[in-house]
Amino acid sequence: MSVFSSNKIRRSALGFAALALAVASLLTVPALTRPLEAKVFMEMDAVRHGGDYRIFALESPAPIHCMRACEDDAQCQAWTYVKPGNGSAEAMCRLKDTVPFYSKSPCCVSGVTVGTSDPRKPYR
């Protein structure tokens, strides 16, 4: 094979790689510019100790209600839902103004704020 042929093949391969990279970057731009769709995430069987500024009983025993209470409160940075029967007959919600470390525990579900799930509300 001549030097001319190998250079031509190398240029073709580089051109193809550049084209593939350009196409891949165009495909990811919409994903990067989309609004954040989740404000909080749930950490199953996890408790975050400390940072409580508001503790209240929930009318319905479901962690989503505690998560939404945090989402609706500008001060809230993290939350812990305490399942009924873990210190109280009722489900409890603990809103936190810090993001304390968590530990594994079947008593609770926790989460941390990261944006907003409501597109009509501004991001924090």
C-alpha atoms as a PDB file:
ATOM      1  CA  MET A   1       0.000   0.000   0.000  1.00  0.00           C
ATOM      2  CA  SER A   2       1.353   3.391  -0.914  1.00  0.00           C
ATOM      3  CA  VAL A   3       1.787   6.272   1.525  1.00  0.00           C
ATOM      4  CA  PHE A   4      -0.820   8.178  -0.450  1.00  0.00           C
ATOM      5  CA  SER A   5      -3.451   5.423   0.102  1.00  0.00           C
ATOM      6  CA  SER A   6      -2.765   5.083   3.815  1.00  0.00           C
ATOM      7  CA  ASN A   7      -3.018   8.879   4.319  1.00  0.00           C
ATOM      8  CA  LYS A   8      -6.301   8.902   2.401  1.00  0.00           C
ATOM      9  CA  ILE A   9      -7.685   6.080   4.587  1.00  0.00           C
ATOM     10  CA  ARG A  10      -6.503   7.856   7.754  1.00  0.00           C
ATOM     11  CA  ARG A  11      -8.193  11.117   6.648  1.00  0.00           C
ATOM     12  CA  SER A  12     -11.407   9.234   5.866  1.00  0.00           C
ATOM     13  CA  ALA A  13     -11.389   7.586   9.296  1.00  0.00           C
ATOM     14  CA  LEU A  14     -10.761  10.928  11.013  1.00  0.00           C
ATOM     15  CA  GLY A  15     -13.541  12.555   8.990  1.00  0.00           C
ATOM     16  CA  PHE A  16     -15.944   9.780   9.947  1.00  0.00           C
ATOM     17  CA  ALA A  17     -14.996  10.083  13.651  1.00  0.00           C
ATOM     18  CA  ALA A  18     -15.521  13.860  13.541  1.00  0.00           C
ATOM     19  CA  LEU A  19     -18.904  13.413  11.861  1.00  0.00           C
ATOM     20  CA  ALA A  20     -19.971  10.804  14.435  1.00  0.00           C
ATOM     21  CA  LEU A  21     -18.911  13.115  17.277  1.00  0.00           C
ATOM     22  CA  ALA A  22     -20.832  16.049  15.777  1.00  0.00           C
ATOM     23  CA  VAL A  23     -23.998  13.959  15.381  1.00  0.00           C
ATOM     24  CA  ALA A  24     -23.697  12.616  18.938  1.00  0.00           C
ATOM     25  CA  SER A  25     -23.305  16.123  20.362  1.00  0.00           C
ATOM     26  CA  LEU A  26     -26.371  17.355  18.471  1.00  0.00           C
ATOM     27  CA  LEU A  27     -28.419  14.502  19.865  1.00  0.00           C
ATOM     28  CA  THR A  28     -27.453  15.323  23.454  1.00  0.00           C
ATOM     29  CA  VAL A  29     -28.080  19.097  23.312  1.00  0.00           C
ATOM     30  CA  PRO A  30     -31.868  18.793  23.860  1.00  0.00           C
ATOM     31  CA  ALA A  31     -31.267  16.522  26.845  1.00  0.00           C
ATOM     32  CA  LEU A  32     -28.899  19.067  28.378  1.00  0.00           C
ATOM     33  CA  THR A  33     -31.160  22.068  27.808  1.00  0.00           C
ATOM     34  CA  ARG A  34     -34.419  20.483  29.006  1.00  0.00           C
ATOM     35  CA  PRO A  35     -35.707  21.796  32.351  1.00  0.00           C
ATOM     36  CA  LEU A  36     -34.992  19.666  35.381  1.00  0.00           C
ATOM     37  CA  GLU A  37     -38.013  17.437  35.843  1.00  0.00           C
ATOM     38  CA  ALA A  38     -37.472  16.241  39.404  1.00  0.00           C
ATOM     39  CA  LYS A  39     -36.883  18.410  42.391  1.00  0.00           C
ATOM     40  CA  VAL A  40     -36.280  15.745  44.962  1.00  0.00           C
ATOM     41  CA  PHE A  41     -35.409  12.114  44.905  1.00  0.00           C
ATOM     42  CA  MET A  42     -36.338   9.382  47.375  1.00  0.00           C
ATOM     43  CA  GLU A  43     -33.801   7.390  49.356  1.00  0.00           C
ATOM     44  CA  MET A  44     -35.657   4.251  50.377  1.00  0.00           C
ATOM     45  CA  ASP A  45     -34.887   2.847  53.866  1.00  0.00           C
ATOM     46  CA  ALA A  46     -32.778   5.870  54.756  1.00  0.00           C
ATOM     47  CA  VAL A  47     -32.906   8.393  57.582  1.00  0.00           C
ATOM     48  CA  ARG A  48     -31.205  11.792  57.639  1.00  0.00           C
ATOM     49  CA  HIS A  49     -30.443  12.853  61.220  1.00  0.00           C
ATOM     50  CA  GLY A  50     -30.358  16.534  62.201  1.00  0.00           C
ATOM     51  CA  GLY A  51     -31.232  19.798  60.540  1.00  0.00           C
ATOM     52  CA  ASP A  52     -34.940  19.576  61.460  1.00  0.00           C
ATOM     53  CA  TYR A  53     -36.754  22.905  61.480  1.00  0.00           C
ATOM     54  CA  ARG A  54     -40.293  21.611  61.031  1.00  0.00           C
ATOM     55  CA  ILE A  55     -41.782  18.286  62.179  1.00  0.00           C
ATOM     56  CA  PHE A  56     -45.418  17.377  61.609  1.00  0.00           C
ATOM     57  CA  ALA A  57     -47.788  14.434  61.336  1.00  0.00           C
ATOM     58  CA  LEU A  58     -49.059  13.536  57.887  1.00  0.00           C
ATOM     59  CA  GLU A  59     -52.747  12.989  57.203  1.00  0.00           C
ATOM     60  CA  SER A  60     -51.931  10.178  54.776  1.00  0.00           C
ATOM     61  CA  PRO A  61     -49.009   7.774  55.392  1.00  0.00           C
ATOM     62  CA  ALA A  62     -47.032   8.164  52.158  1.00  0.00           C
ATOM     63  CA  PRO A  63     -43.525   9.620  51.633  1.00  0.00           C
ATOM     64  CA  ILE A  64     -44.702  11.584  48.591  1.00  0.00           C
ATOM     65  CA  HIS A  65     -46.580  13.962  50.914  1.00  0.00           C
ATOM     66  CA  CYS A  66     -43.419  14.745  52.864  1.00  0.00           C
ATOM     67  CA  MET A  67     -41.467  15.155  49.634  1.00  0.00           C
ATOM     68  CA  ARG A  68     -44.069  17.625  48.315  1.00  0.00           C
ATOM     69  CA  ALA A  69     -44.077  19.567  51.595  1.00  0.00           C
ATOM     70  CA  CYS A  70     -40.324  20.030  51.184  1.00  0.00           C
ATOM     71  CA  GLU A  71     -40.764  20.948  47.545  1.00  0.00           C
ATOM     72  CA  ASP A  72     -43.237  23.685  48.457  1.00  0.00           C
ATOM     73  CA  ASP A  73     -41.027  25.196  51.185  1.00  0.00           C
ATOM     74  CA  ALA A  74     -38.155  27.420  50.029  1.00  0.00           C
ATOM     75  CA  GLN A  75     -36.224  26.773  53.264  1.00  0.00           C
ATOM     76  CA  CYS A  76     -36.289  22.987  52.847  1.00  0.00           C
ATOM     77  CA  GLN A  77     -33.082  21.348  51.645  1.00  0.00           C
ATOM     78  CA  ALA A  78     -33.836  17.738  52.644  1.00  0.00           C
ATOM     79  CA  TRP A  79     -36.586  15.700  54.306  1.00  0.00           C
ATOM     80  CA  THR A  80     -37.241  12.465  56.154  1.00  0.00           C
ATOM     81  CA  TYR A  81     -40.539  10.593  56.174  1.00  0.00           C
ATOM     82  CA  VAL A  82     -40.885   8.463  59.318  1.00  0.00           C
ATOM     83  CA  LYS A  83     -43.168   5.478  58.829  1.00  0.00           C
ATOM     84  CA  PRO A  84     -46.036   4.961  61.311  1.00  0.00           C
ATOM     85  CA  GLY A  85     -45.061   2.929  64.372  1.00  0.00           C
ATOM     86  CA  ASN A  86     -41.519   4.334  64.591  1.00  0.00           C
ATOM     87  CA  GLY A  87     -41.873   6.553  67.643  1.00  0.00           C
ATOM     88  CA  SER A  88     -45.396   7.660  66.738  1.00  0.00           C
ATOM     89  CA  ALA A  89     -48.622   5.999  65.663  1.00  0.00           C
ATOM     90  CA  GLU A  90     -48.814   8.504  62.796  1.00  0.00           C
ATOM     91  CA  ALA A  91     -46.540   8.986  59.810  1.00  0.00           C
ATOM     92  CA  MET A  92     -44.259  11.958  60.481  1.00  0.00           C
ATOM     93  CA  CYS A  93     -42.482  14.367  58.176  1.00  0.00           C
ATOM     94  CA  ARG A  94     -39.227  16.093  59.134  1.00  0.00           C
ATOM     95  CA  LEU A  95     -38.193  19.030  56.958  1.00  0.00           C
ATOM     96  CA  LYS A  96     -34.520  20.008  57.136  1.00  0.00           C
ATOM     97  CA  ASP A  97     -32.691  23.249  56.418  1.00  0.00           C
ATOM     98  CA  THR A  98     -29.416  21.400  55.823  1.00  0.00           C
ATOM     99  CA  VAL A  99     -28.510  18.202  53.994  1.00  0.00           C
ATOM    100  CA  PRO A 100     -27.318  15.871  56.751  1.00  0.00           C
ATOM    101  CA  PHE A 101     -25.653  12.541  56.019  1.00  0.00           C
ATOM    102  CA  TYR A 102     -27.987   9.598  55.843  1.00  0.00           C
ATOM    103  CA  SER A 103     -27.851   6.119  57.253  1.00  0.00           C
ATOM    104  CA  LYS A 104     -29.754   3.017  56.234  1.00  0.00           C
ATOM    105  CA  SER A 105     -32.857   2.304  58.325  1.00  0.00           C
ATOM    106  CA  PRO A 106     -36.147   0.574  57.511  1.00  0.00           C
ATOM    107  CA  CYS A 107     -37.964   3.250  59.573  1.00  0.00           C
ATOM    108  CA  CYS A 108     -37.776   5.981  57.013  1.00  0.00           C
ATOM    109  CA  VAL A 109     -37.628   7.342  53.507  1.00  0.00           C
ATOM    110  CA  SER A 110     -35.562  10.477  52.901  1.00  0.00           C
ATOM    111  CA  GLY A 111     -34.745  12.853  50.096  1.00  0.00           C
ATOM    112  CA  VAL A 112     -32.804  15.934  49.024  1.00  0.00           C
ATOM    113  CA  THR A 113     -34.002  18.914  46.975  1.00  0.00           C
ATOM    114  CA  VAL A 114     -32.438  19.461  43.560  1.00  0.00           C
ATOM    115  CA  GLY A 115     -34.760  21.806  41.612  1.00  0.00           C
ATOM    116  CA  THR A 116     -38.495  21.732  41.041  1.00  0.00           C
ATOM    117  CA  SER A 117     -40.910  19.228  39.564  1.00  0.00           C
ATOM    118  CA  ASP A 118     -43.407  21.976  38.753  1.00  0.00           C
ATOM    119  CA  PRO A 119     -42.366  23.766  35.525  1.00  0.00           C
ATOM    120  CA  ARG A 120     -44.320  26.873  36.629  1.00  0.00           C
ATOM    121  CA  LYS A 121     -42.062  27.372  39.671  1.00  0.00           C
ATOM    122  CA  PRO A 122     -38.525  28.772  39.448  1.00  0.00           C
ATOM    123  CA  TYR A 123     -35.532  26.589  40.173  1.00  0.00           C
ATOM    124  CA  ARG A 124     -33.690  27.028  43.431  1.00  0.00           C
END
